[in-house]
């Protein structure tokens, strides 16, 4: 029997809230908040702030915590603010002293913060997390209340001395895993026809704005209705022939050329020093001119490649990157050179241009030395990094390269131990592939939604920062657990030793 109880909607005053009880100390946000070195992270954050200009800065913990919440829960800016406002545990994580139903800050501040911080600040905070987790001891970083201790400055001074003596690295330690991937930008899939048609539409809008600004009553003819109809007749067809696409591209190019000529004519009428277009329209005008030049050149030469090819009008910094993957042969976004040490991932190279990742190995190794004060003992990479130049350089630096030798296989077969060791080391490359999968599937690394190059770079770096934070928090909890259980296990061990001694004496 199905039972249903019909009740009236309770008023907000009648609804019972849990705020009379204490927060659950086992909640994930409580644990995460108590494990992070907030003071160190805040010190890096305030480096980009001015102490004597502008309005008072928002507390660093609130800002950094909001970034963590946004990327950990895969939220957009608006939803991140709403989630913080609705969740008392997250407010505790942000360092608030009491629950508030007000927004911690306006959502538009996210964009400002991404632009102000940039990828370098997030990388610096990532480095702090890595250094804190290394032999320096995570328990020393945090006091009993979970807040960062006052000894962080001393650690920074120690690292400064390490940087001063970086010409003299102390031996070789650790394993460095290196690979590359692409963080896809959230843009419409680009086609030559769609890109030209979009540029044409923007040129028509700019003509309308210029006519208003200049005071021209009779607008230049743009044939916008005819041009749009011709574009849609081809774009909506499921099965388009090459000749149909080429014809449509030629038509849209001619319309775009006519519109650009009209824009130049309207700009010639402008008197005075004031440019009649807003900054955004100036940028779009520059972009569509470059789009026309590139597309006209490819149309004439009957090719599909051109240097510095623009694939999006509003994000002209994005480039096509050929990766040769099964699912996507060409990707559109930033190419990342990533290194892994002890499970922590760092972005060593972030480029909007396609580059050969094999040329990036030296930089990644030097970044490892710069961070730790010593070179890695072993470097594990994909075969694209194992060129002759890189192998020779690693040999000179005393670093062992884990990879198959160049040239023909040697007549002398490897021992079973060597084969097993090589297989195990190559298997460790799964760590970096796992990080890529974690970032793309769990943190939307493949759907970067920022609108400028700098904010996109900050978005990507923030994702890696949050992934490392999650790993750091787990290590912290395990270290605390070990500390709590250590006296118990020592007591059991001493008791077992005493019993053994007693039995030996009886014998």
Protein backbone atom coordinates (compact mmCIF):
# COMPACT_ATOMS: atom_id res chain seq x y z
CA UNK A 1 0.00 0.00 0.00
CA UNK A 2 1.31 3.41 -1.00
CA UNK A 3 1.04 6.02 1.70
CA UNK A 4 1.05 9.72 1.04
CA UNK A 5 0.74 12.45 3.63
CA UNK A 6 -0.41 15.79 2.31
CA UNK A 7 0.92 18.73 4.28
CA UNK A 8 0.87 22.45 3.82
CA UNK A 9 4.04 24.32 2.96
CA UNK A 10 5.81 25.39 6.12
CA UNK A 11 6.84 28.98 6.53
CA UNK A 12 10.54 29.74 6.83
CA UNK A 13 10.03 30.64 10.49
CA UNK A 14 8.47 27.24 11.22
CA UNK A 15 11.25 25.26 9.60
CA UNK A 16 13.62 23.81 12.18
CA UNK A 17 17.29 24.53 11.54
CA UNK A 18 20.31 22.63 12.88
CA UNK A 19 22.16 25.78 13.91
CA UNK A 20 21.59 25.11 17.61
CA UNK A 21 23.94 22.14 17.46
CA UNK A 22 27.71 22.08 16.97
CA UNK A 23 29.26 21.35 13.62
CA UNK A 24 30.29 17.79 12.89
CA UNK A 25 34.06 17.60 13.24
CA UNK A 26 34.18 14.69 10.77
CA UNK A 27 32.68 16.75 7.95
CA UNK A 28 34.91 16.88 4.86
CA UNK A 29 35.04 20.71 4.82
CA UNK A 30 35.99 20.83 8.50
CA UNK A 31 38.81 18.32 7.94
CA UNK A 32 40.05 20.12 4.84
CA UNK A 33 39.97 23.52 6.52
CA UNK A 34 41.97 22.26 9.49
CA UNK A 35 44.66 20.67 7.33
CA UNK A 36 45.69 23.52 5.02
CA UNK A 37 48.60 25.96 5.64
CA UNK A 38 46.41 29.06 5.35
CA UNK A 39 49.07 31.53 6.53
CA UNK A 40 51.51 30.49 3.82
CA UNK A 41 48.86 30.63 1.13
CA UNK A 42 47.69 34.03 2.35
CA UNK A 43 51.24 35.38 2.19
CA UNK A 44 51.45 34.48 -1.50
CA UNK A 45 47.99 35.93 -2.17
CA UNK A 46 48.79 39.30 -0.58
CA UNK A 47 51.89 39.69 -2.76
CA UNK A 48 49.60 40.75 -5.62
CA UNK A 49 47.68 43.26 -3.47
CA UNK A 50 48.43 46.92 -2.80
CA UNK A 51 48.52 47.99 0.83
CA UNK A 52 47.86 51.70 0.23
CA UNK A 53 45.57 51.80 -2.81
CA UNK A 54 41.96 50.83 -3.43
CA UNK A 55 39.34 49.41 -1.09
CA UNK A 56 40.34 47.08 1.75
CA UNK A 57 41.12 43.63 0.41
CA UNK A 58 38.84 40.72 1.21
CA UNK A 59 40.34 38.24 3.65
CA UNK A 60 42.73 35.92 1.83
CA UNK A 61 41.22 32.77 3.34
CA UNK A 62 37.78 33.70 2.02
CA UNK A 63 39.13 34.31 -1.49
CA UNK A 64 41.34 31.22 -1.66
CA UNK A 65 38.66 29.08 -0.03
CA UNK A 66 36.04 30.27 -2.52
CA UNK A 67 38.37 29.30 -5.40
CA UNK A 68 38.81 25.85 -3.86
CA UNK A 69 35.04 25.40 -3.46
CA UNK A 70 34.37 26.52 -7.02
CA UNK A 71 36.78 24.07 -8.66
CA UNK A 72 36.31 21.19 -6.23
CA UNK A 73 32.54 21.19 -6.79
CA UNK A 74 32.80 22.11 -10.51
CA UNK A 75 30.61 25.22 -10.14
CA UNK A 76 30.37 28.40 -12.17
CA UNK A 77 30.97 31.74 -10.45
CA UNK A 78 27.31 32.38 -9.62
CA UNK A 79 26.67 28.88 -8.26
CA UNK A 80 29.86 29.00 -6.18
CA UNK A 81 28.65 32.11 -4.34
CA UNK A 82 25.17 30.62 -3.83
CA UNK A 83 26.63 27.35 -2.51
CA UNK A 84 28.82 29.23 -0.03
CA UNK A 85 25.84 31.26 1.16
CA UNK A 86 23.71 28.16 1.70
CA UNK A 87 26.26 25.85 3.38
CA UNK A 88 27.43 26.53 6.93
CA UNK A 89 30.23 23.97 6.69
CA UNK A 90 31.71 25.74 3.68
CA UNK A 91 31.44 29.06 5.55
CA UNK A 92 33.43 27.50 8.37
CA UNK A 93 35.96 26.31 5.77
CA UNK A 94 36.27 29.92 4.56
CA UNK A 95 37.15 31.05 8.08
CA UNK A 96 33.90 32.85 8.96
CA UNK A 97 33.17 33.09 12.67
CA UNK A 98 29.42 32.66 12.30
CA UNK A 99 26.85 31.70 9.71
CA UNK A 100 25.70 34.50 7.39
CA UNK A 101 22.95 34.49 4.78
CA UNK A 102 24.71 37.27 2.83
CA UNK A 103 27.10 36.74 -0.10
CA UNK A 104 30.75 36.69 0.98
CA UNK A 105 31.55 38.82 -2.09
CA UNK A 106 30.06 39.63 -5.48
CA UNK A 107 30.48 36.90 -8.08
CA UNK A 108 32.09 39.37 -10.52
CA UNK A 109 35.08 39.46 -8.17
CA UNK A 110 36.03 35.97 -9.33
CA UNK A 111 37.03 37.35 -12.74
CA UNK A 112 39.01 40.19 -11.15
CA UNK A 113 40.82 37.78 -8.86
CA UNK A 114 41.69 35.40 -11.69
CA UNK A 115 43.15 38.28 -13.66
CA UNK A 116 45.00 39.74 -10.66
CA UNK A 117 46.48 36.49 -9.37
CA UNK A 118 47.39 34.87 -12.67
CA UNK A 119 48.84 31.41 -13.11
CA UNK A 120 52.14 32.32 -11.40
CA UNK A 121 50.50 32.92 -8.00
CA UNK A 122 48.60 29.65 -8.13
CA UNK A 123 51.81 27.89 -9.12
CA UNK A 124 53.57 29.50 -6.15
CA UNK A 125 50.83 28.22 -3.83
CA UNK A 126 51.16 24.77 -5.41
CA UNK A 127 54.89 24.88 -4.69
CA UNK A 128 54.15 25.75 -1.06
CA UNK A 129 51.89 22.72 -0.77
CA UNK A 130 54.58 20.44 -2.26
CA UNK A 131 57.31 21.81 0.00
CA UNK A 132 55.07 21.55 3.05
CA UNK A 133 54.28 17.91 2.30
CA UNK A 134 57.95 17.02 1.80
CA UNK A 135 60.23 16.00 4.67
CA UNK A 136 59.69 19.30 6.39
CA UNK A 137 56.71 17.60 8.08
CA UNK A 138 53.09 18.57 7.70
CA UNK A 139 52.59 18.30 11.45
CA UNK A 140 55.04 21.11 12.05
CA UNK A 141 53.18 23.41 9.70
CA UNK A 142 49.89 23.22 11.58
CA UNK A 143 49.31 23.76 15.25
CA UNK A 144 46.81 21.91 17.35
CA UNK A 145 43.96 24.14 16.19
CA UNK A 146 44.65 23.41 12.55
CA UNK A 147 45.93 26.87 11.67
CA UNK A 148 49.33 27.54 10.19
CA UNK A 149 52.09 28.18 12.68
CA UNK A 150 54.27 31.24 12.84
CA UNK A 151 57.29 29.33 11.61
CA UNK A 152 56.34 29.73 7.95
CA UNK A 153 58.63 32.75 7.54
CA UNK A 154 61.60 30.71 8.64
CA UNK A 155 60.79 28.09 6.02
CA UNK A 156 60.67 30.83 3.37
CA UNK A 157 64.06 32.14 4.49
CA UNK A 158 65.46 28.61 4.29
CA UNK A 159 64.21 28.27 0.73
CA UNK A 160 65.65 31.66 -0.14
CA UNK A 161 69.04 30.40 0.92
CA UNK A 162 68.44 27.27 -1.16
CA UNK A 163 67.73 29.44 -4.18
CA UNK A 164 70.93 31.40 -3.59
CA UNK A 165 72.96 28.19 -3.67
CA UNK A 166 71.09 26.53 -6.51
CA UNK A 167 74.27 26.42 -8.59
CA UNK A 168 75.44 23.73 -6.18
CA UNK A 169 72.68 21.11 -6.05
CA UNK A 170 72.98 18.53 -3.31
CA UNK A 171 72.99 15.14 -5.00
CA UNK A 172 70.10 13.44 -6.76
CA UNK A 173 66.85 12.41 -5.09
CA UNK A 174 63.41 11.39 -6.15
CA UNK A 175 61.63 10.47 -9.37
CA UNK A 176 60.32 12.98 -11.91
CA UNK A 177 57.48 11.98 -14.26
CA UNK A 178 56.84 14.23 -17.25
CA UNK A 179 54.09 14.43 -19.89
CA UNK A 180 51.98 16.95 -21.81
CA UNK A 181 48.26 17.51 -22.38
CA UNK A 182 45.82 20.14 -23.63
CA UNK A 183 43.33 22.07 -21.49
CA UNK A 184 40.46 22.58 -23.92
CA UNK A 185 38.84 25.99 -24.12
CA UNK A 186 35.04 26.08 -23.98
CA UNK A 187 34.42 27.36 -27.51
CA UNK A 188 32.19 26.35 -30.40
CA UNK A 189 33.87 23.90 -32.73
CA UNK A 190 35.48 26.11 -35.38
CA UNK A 191 34.85 25.75 -39.12
CA UNK A 192 36.11 28.04 -41.86
CA UNK A 193 32.59 28.82 -43.04
CA UNK A 194 31.24 29.46 -39.53
CA UNK A 195 34.22 31.66 -38.61
CA UNK A 196 33.84 33.86 -41.71
CA UNK A 197 30.06 34.12 -41.23
CA UNK A 198 30.57 35.14 -37.58
CA UNK A 199 33.10 37.79 -38.66
CA UNK A 200 30.61 39.08 -41.22
CA UNK A 201 27.91 39.42 -38.57
CA UNK A 202 30.28 41.31 -36.27
CA UNK A 203 31.26 43.63 -39.14
CA UNK A 204 27.57 44.41 -39.70
CA UNK A 205 27.14 45.27 -36.03
CA UNK A 206 30.24 47.50 -36.07
CA UNK A 207 28.83 49.33 -39.13
CA UNK A 208 25.62 50.01 -37.19
CA UNK A 209 27.57 51.35 -34.20
CA UNK A 210 29.76 53.56 -36.40
CA UNK A 211 26.76 55.04 -38.20
CA UNK A 212 25.29 56.06 -34.82
CA UNK A 213 28.60 57.50 -33.62
CA UNK A 214 29.45 59.38 -36.81
CA UNK A 215 25.90 60.51 -37.46
CA UNK A 216 25.41 58.85 -40.84
CA UNK A 217 21.72 58.59 -41.68
CA UNK A 218 22.05 56.29 -44.71
CA UNK A 219 23.89 53.06 -43.85
CA UNK A 220 26.17 51.36 -46.39
CA UNK A 221 24.60 48.36 -48.10
CA UNK A 222 25.64 45.11 -46.41
CA UNK A 223 23.28 42.55 -48.02
CA UNK A 224 22.99 40.99 -44.56
CA UNK A 225 19.74 39.13 -45.23
CA UNK A 226 21.01 37.61 -48.47
CA UNK A 227 24.37 36.75 -46.91
CA UNK A 228 22.76 35.06 -43.91
CA UNK A 229 20.38 33.06 -46.14
CA UNK A 230 23.24 31.84 -48.32
CA UNK A 231 25.22 30.81 -45.24
CA UNK A 232 22.32 28.91 -43.63
CA UNK A 233 21.48 27.09 -46.87
CA UNK A 234 24.87 25.38 -46.68
CA UNK A 235 25.45 25.27 -42.91
CA UNK A 236 22.18 23.41 -42.23
CA UNK A 237 22.80 20.70 -44.82
CA UNK A 238 23.84 17.37 -43.29
CA UNK A 239 25.83 16.18 -46.27
CA UNK A 240 27.77 19.06 -47.80
CA UNK A 241 30.09 18.59 -50.72
CA UNK A 242 33.50 20.26 -50.85
CA UNK A 243 32.42 22.38 -53.78
CA UNK A 244 29.33 23.64 -51.90
CA UNK A 245 31.42 24.59 -48.87
CA UNK A 246 34.07 26.28 -51.01
CA UNK A 247 31.42 28.27 -52.90
CA UNK A 248 29.80 29.40 -49.64
CA UNK A 249 33.20 30.43 -48.20
CA UNK A 250 33.88 32.52 -51.31
CA UNK A 251 30.49 34.26 -50.96
CA UNK A 252 30.99 35.06 -47.27
CA UNK A 253 34.53 36.34 -47.94
CA UNK A 254 33.21 38.80 -50.54
CA UNK A 255 30.51 40.08 -48.16
CA UNK A 256 33.08 40.45 -45.38
CA UNK A 257 35.48 42.30 -47.69
CA UNK A 258 32.72 44.73 -48.66
CA UNK A 259 31.84 45.36 -45.00
CA UNK A 260 35.47 45.99 -44.01
CA UNK A 261 35.74 48.53 -46.84
CA UNK A 262 32.60 50.25 -45.54
CA UNK A 263 34.01 50.36 -41.98
CA UNK A 264 37.21 51.98 -43.21
CA UNK A 265 35.15 54.55 -45.11
CA UNK A 266 33.14 55.41 -41.98
CA UNK A 267 36.33 55.71 -39.90
CA UNK A 268 37.71 58.22 -42.43
CA UNK A 269 34.77 60.49 -41.59
CA UNK A 270 35.72 60.66 -37.92
CA UNK A 271 37.02 64.06 -36.86
CA UNK A 272 39.18 64.67 -33.82
CA UNK A 273 41.33 62.34 -31.77
CA UNK A 274 38.50 60.28 -30.26
CA UNK A 275 38.17 56.81 -31.74
CA UNK A 276 34.46 56.09 -32.23
CA UNK A 277 34.60 52.40 -31.24
CA UNK A 278 34.68 50.99 -27.72
CA UNK A 279 37.71 48.94 -26.63
CA UNK A 280 35.86 45.64 -27.12
CA UNK A 281 34.74 46.58 -30.65
CA UNK A 282 38.25 47.77 -31.52
CA UNK A 283 39.58 44.35 -30.58
CA UNK A 284 36.88 42.55 -32.58
CA UNK A 285 37.57 44.81 -35.57
CA UNK A 286 41.25 43.89 -35.45
CA UNK A 287 40.37 40.18 -35.14
CA UNK A 288 37.96 40.05 -38.07
CA UNK A 289 40.53 41.78 -40.29
CA UNK A 290 43.03 39.06 -39.44
CA UNK A 291 40.38 36.39 -39.96
CA UNK A 292 39.69 37.77 -43.43
CA UNK A 293 43.39 37.86 -44.33
CA UNK A 294 43.95 34.27 -43.14
CA UNK A 295 40.82 32.83 -44.71
CA UNK A 296 41.34 34.65 -48.02
CA UNK A 297 44.90 33.31 -48.18
CA UNK A 298 43.76 29.73 -47.48
CA UNK A 299 40.90 30.08 -49.98
CA UNK A 300 43.25 31.28 -52.70
CA UNK A 301 45.97 28.71 -51.98
CA UNK A 302 43.45 25.89 -51.47
CA UNK A 303 44.94 24.91 -48.12
CA UNK A 304 43.64 24.51 -44.56
CA UNK A 305 46.66 25.66 -42.58
CA UNK A 306 48.09 29.09 -41.89
CA UNK A 307 50.47 30.53 -39.30
CA UNK A 308 48.88 31.76 -36.04
CA UNK A 309 45.48 30.62 -37.21
CA UNK A 310 42.52 32.23 -35.40
CA UNK A 311 39.74 29.79 -34.50
CA UNK A 312 37.51 32.02 -32.36
CA UNK A 313 36.64 35.70 -32.83
CA UNK A 314 36.23 36.46 -29.12
CA UNK A 315 39.23 34.42 -27.96
CA UNK A 316 41.82 34.99 -30.69
CA UNK A 317 44.65 33.61 -28.53
CA UNK A 318 43.32 30.03 -28.87
CA UNK A 319 45.15 27.90 -31.44
CA UNK A 320 44.49 24.48 -32.97
CA UNK A 321 46.83 21.88 -31.45
CA UNK A 322 47.27 18.61 -33.31
CA UNK A 323 47.60 15.77 -30.78
CA UNK A 324 46.74 12.73 -32.87
CA UNK A 325 44.40 11.27 -30.26
CA UNK A 326 41.73 8.76 -31.15
CA UNK A 327 38.80 10.84 -29.91
CA UNK A 328 40.09 14.25 -31.00
CA UNK A 329 42.87 14.62 -33.52
CA UNK A 330 42.86 18.42 -33.07
CA UNK A 331 42.26 20.18 -29.74
CA UNK A 332 41.68 23.86 -29.06
CA UNK A 333 43.15 25.29 -25.89
CA UNK A 334 46.36 25.66 -23.90
CA UNK A 335 49.12 23.06 -24.12
CA UNK A 336 50.49 22.07 -20.71
CA UNK A 337 53.85 20.56 -19.84
CA UNK A 338 53.23 18.82 -16.49
CA UNK A 339 55.60 17.11 -14.08
CA UNK A 340 54.74 14.77 -11.21
CA UNK A 341 56.78 14.34 -8.03
CA UNK A 342 55.51 12.19 -5.18
CA UNK A 343 51.98 12.41 -6.58
CA UNK A 344 51.91 16.22 -6.80
CA UNK A 345 51.44 17.84 -10.21
CA UNK A 346 53.05 21.08 -11.39
CA UNK A 347 52.54 23.03 -14.59
CA UNK A 348 56.02 23.75 -15.92
CA UNK A 349 54.95 25.10 -19.31
CA UNK A 350 51.67 26.69 -20.38
CA UNK A 351 51.51 27.79 -24.00
CA UNK A 352 48.70 28.72 -26.38
CA UNK A 353 50.92 27.74 -29.29
CA UNK A 354 51.59 24.18 -30.37
CA UNK A 355 55.13 23.15 -29.45
CA UNK A 356 57.18 19.98 -29.41
CA UNK A 357 57.08 18.79 -25.81
CA UNK A 358 60.41 17.04 -26.31
CA UNK A 359 62.11 20.44 -26.16
CA UNK A 360 60.60 21.10 -22.72
CA UNK A 361 62.35 18.38 -20.70
CA UNK A 362 65.36 20.46 -19.61
CA UNK A 363 63.08 23.20 -18.25
CA UNK A 364 61.04 20.70 -16.26
CA UNK A 365 64.14 19.14 -14.73
CA UNK A 366 65.53 22.56 -13.83
CA UNK A 367 62.20 23.53 -12.25
CA UNK A 368 62.47 20.39 -10.13
CA UNK A 369 65.97 21.43 -9.03
CA UNK A 370 64.82 25.00 -8.35
CA UNK A 371 62.01 23.80 -6.12
CA UNK A 372 63.82 21.06 -4.20
CA UNK A 373 67.47 22.10 -4.31
CA UNK A 374 68.61 18.88 -6.03
CA UNK A 375 68.15 17.07 -9.32
CA UNK A 376 65.93 14.00 -9.67
CA UNK A 377 67.55 10.59 -9.61
CA UNK A 378 65.32 9.16 -12.37
CA UNK A 379 63.26 10.79 -15.12
CA UNK A 380 60.29 8.86 -16.57
CA UNK A 381 58.73 10.19 -19.77
CA UNK A 382 56.92 9.34 -22.95
CA UNK A 383 59.09 8.31 -25.88
CA UNK A 384 58.75 11.74 -27.53
CA UNK A 385 61.03 13.14 -24.79
CA UNK A 386 63.70 10.50 -25.35
CA UNK A 387 65.56 12.17 -28.22
CA UNK A 388 69.33 12.01 -28.45
CA UNK A 389 69.88 15.55 -27.17
CA UNK A 390 67.81 15.03 -24.02
CA UNK A 391 69.43 11.68 -23.26
CA UNK A 392 72.90 13.17 -23.59
CA UNK A 393 72.04 16.13 -21.35
CA UNK A 394 70.55 13.89 -18.65
CA UNK A 395 73.65 11.70 -18.76
CA UNK A 396 75.91 14.72 -18.26
CA UNK A 397 73.76 15.86 -15.30
CA UNK A 398 73.98 12.41 -13.70
CA UNK A 399 70.27 11.65 -14.14
CA UNK A 400 69.11 8.25 -15.28
CA UNK A 401 66.57 8.20 -18.11
CA UNK A 402 63.99 5.42 -18.00
CA UNK A 403 63.28 4.49 -21.60
CA UNK A 404 64.20 2.18 -24.43
CA UNK A 405 67.64 2.80 -25.99
CA UNK A 406 67.77 4.46 -29.40
CA UNK A 407 68.60 2.52 -32.53
CA UNK A 408 68.41 -1.21 -33.11
CA UNK A 409 67.82 -3.51 -30.16
CA UNK A 410 71.08 -4.81 -28.72
CA UNK A 411 72.07 -8.37 -29.41
CA UNK A 412 72.64 -8.79 -25.68
CA UNK A 413 69.24 -9.32 -24.18
CA UNK A 414 68.27 -7.66 -20.90
CA UNK A 415 68.13 -9.65 -17.72
CA UNK A 416 64.81 -10.52 -16.15
CA UNK A 417 65.50 -7.99 -13.39
CA UNK A 418 66.16 -5.20 -15.91
CA UNK A 419 63.00 -6.02 -17.84
CA UNK A 420 60.93 -6.09 -14.64
CA UNK A 421 62.42 -2.80 -13.42
CA UNK A 422 61.80 -1.06 -16.75
CA UNK A 423 58.19 -2.30 -16.81
CA UNK A 424 57.59 -1.05 -13.27
CA UNK A 425 59.06 2.39 -14.01
CA UNK A 426 57.07 2.79 -17.21
CA UNK A 427 53.98 1.75 -15.29
CA UNK A 428 54.50 4.76 -13.04
CA UNK A 429 53.61 6.98 -16.01
CA UNK A 430 50.03 6.13 -15.14
CA UNK A 431 50.37 8.69 -12.35
CA UNK A 432 50.53 11.62 -14.76
CA UNK A 433 47.84 10.14 -17.01
CA UNK A 434 45.67 9.72 -13.92
CA UNK A 435 46.19 13.39 -13.04
CA UNK A 436 45.09 14.42 -16.51
CA UNK A 437 42.00 12.24 -16.22
CA UNK A 438 41.27 13.58 -12.73
CA UNK A 439 41.58 17.18 -13.93
CA UNK A 440 39.46 16.74 -17.06
CA UNK A 441 36.74 14.48 -15.65
CA UNK A 442 36.63 15.67 -12.06
CA UNK A 443 37.51 19.36 -12.30
CA UNK A 444 36.46 20.41 -15.85
CA UNK A 445 40.00 20.94 -17.06
CA UNK A 446 38.68 20.19 -20.54
CA UNK A 447 36.04 22.95 -20.28
CA UNK A 448 37.84 26.18 -19.41
CA UNK A 449 35.24 28.96 -19.50
CA UNK A 450 37.34 32.06 -18.88
CA UNK A 451 37.21 34.76 -21.57
CA UNK A 452 40.81 36.04 -21.72
CA UNK A 453 44.22 34.41 -21.96
CA UNK A 454 45.33 35.50 -18.47
CA UNK A 455 42.11 34.46 -16.71
CA UNK A 456 42.14 31.14 -18.59
CA UNK A 457 45.69 30.49 -17.44
CA UNK A 458 44.66 31.33 -13.88
CA UNK A 459 41.65 28.99 -14.19
CA UNK A 460 43.89 26.09 -15.31
CA UNK A 461 46.50 26.70 -12.60
CA UNK A 462 43.75 26.89 -9.96
CA UNK A 463 42.52 23.42 -10.94
CA UNK A 464 45.99 21.92 -10.41
CA UNK A 465 46.27 23.81 -7.12
CA UNK A 466 42.98 22.35 -5.87
CA UNK A 467 43.94 18.80 -6.95
CA UNK A 468 47.19 19.08 -5.00
CA UNK A 469 45.31 20.48 -2.00
CA UNK A 470 43.05 17.45 -1.89
CA UNK A 471 46.06 15.12 -1.94
CA UNK A 472 47.80 17.21 0.71
CA UNK A 473 44.76 17.10 3.01
CA UNK A 474 44.62 13.28 2.76
CA UNK A 475 48.32 13.00 3.60
CA UNK A 476 47.83 15.35 6.53
CA UNK A 477 45.02 13.24 7.95
CA UNK A 478 47.08 10.07 7.63
CA UNK A 479 50.06 11.76 9.31
CA UNK A 480 47.87 12.90 12.21
CA UNK A 481 46.46 9.39 12.53
CA UNK A 482 49.96 7.93 12.61
CA UNK A 483 50.94 10.40 15.31
CA UNK A 484 47.94 9.47 17.44
CA UNK A 485 48.43 5.72 17.03
CA UNK A 486 52.23 5.71 17.38
CA UNK A 487 52.27 5.55 21.22
CA UNK A 488 49.77 2.66 21.13
CA UNK A 489 51.85 0.61 18.69
CA UNK A 490 55.08 1.39 20.59
CA UNK A 491 53.50 0.16 23.81
CA UNK A 492 52.35 -3.05 22.11
CA UNK A 493 55.82 -3.53 20.63
CA UNK A 494 57.54 -3.04 24.00
CA UNK A 495 55.14 -5.49 25.61
CA UNK A 496 55.86 -8.09 22.93
CA UNK A 497 59.61 -7.64 23.42
CA UNK A 498 59.30 -8.08 27.19
CA UNK A 499 57.29 -11.30 26.72
CA UNK A 500 59.89 -12.66 24.32
CA UNK A 501 62.73 -11.87 26.75
CA UNK A 502 60.86 -13.57 29.54
CA UNK A 503 60.35 -16.74 27.47
CA UNK A 504 64.02 -16.79 26.50
CA UNK A 505 65.07 -16.56 30.15
CA UNK A 506 62.80 -19.45 31.09
CA UNK A 507 64.46 -21.60 28.44
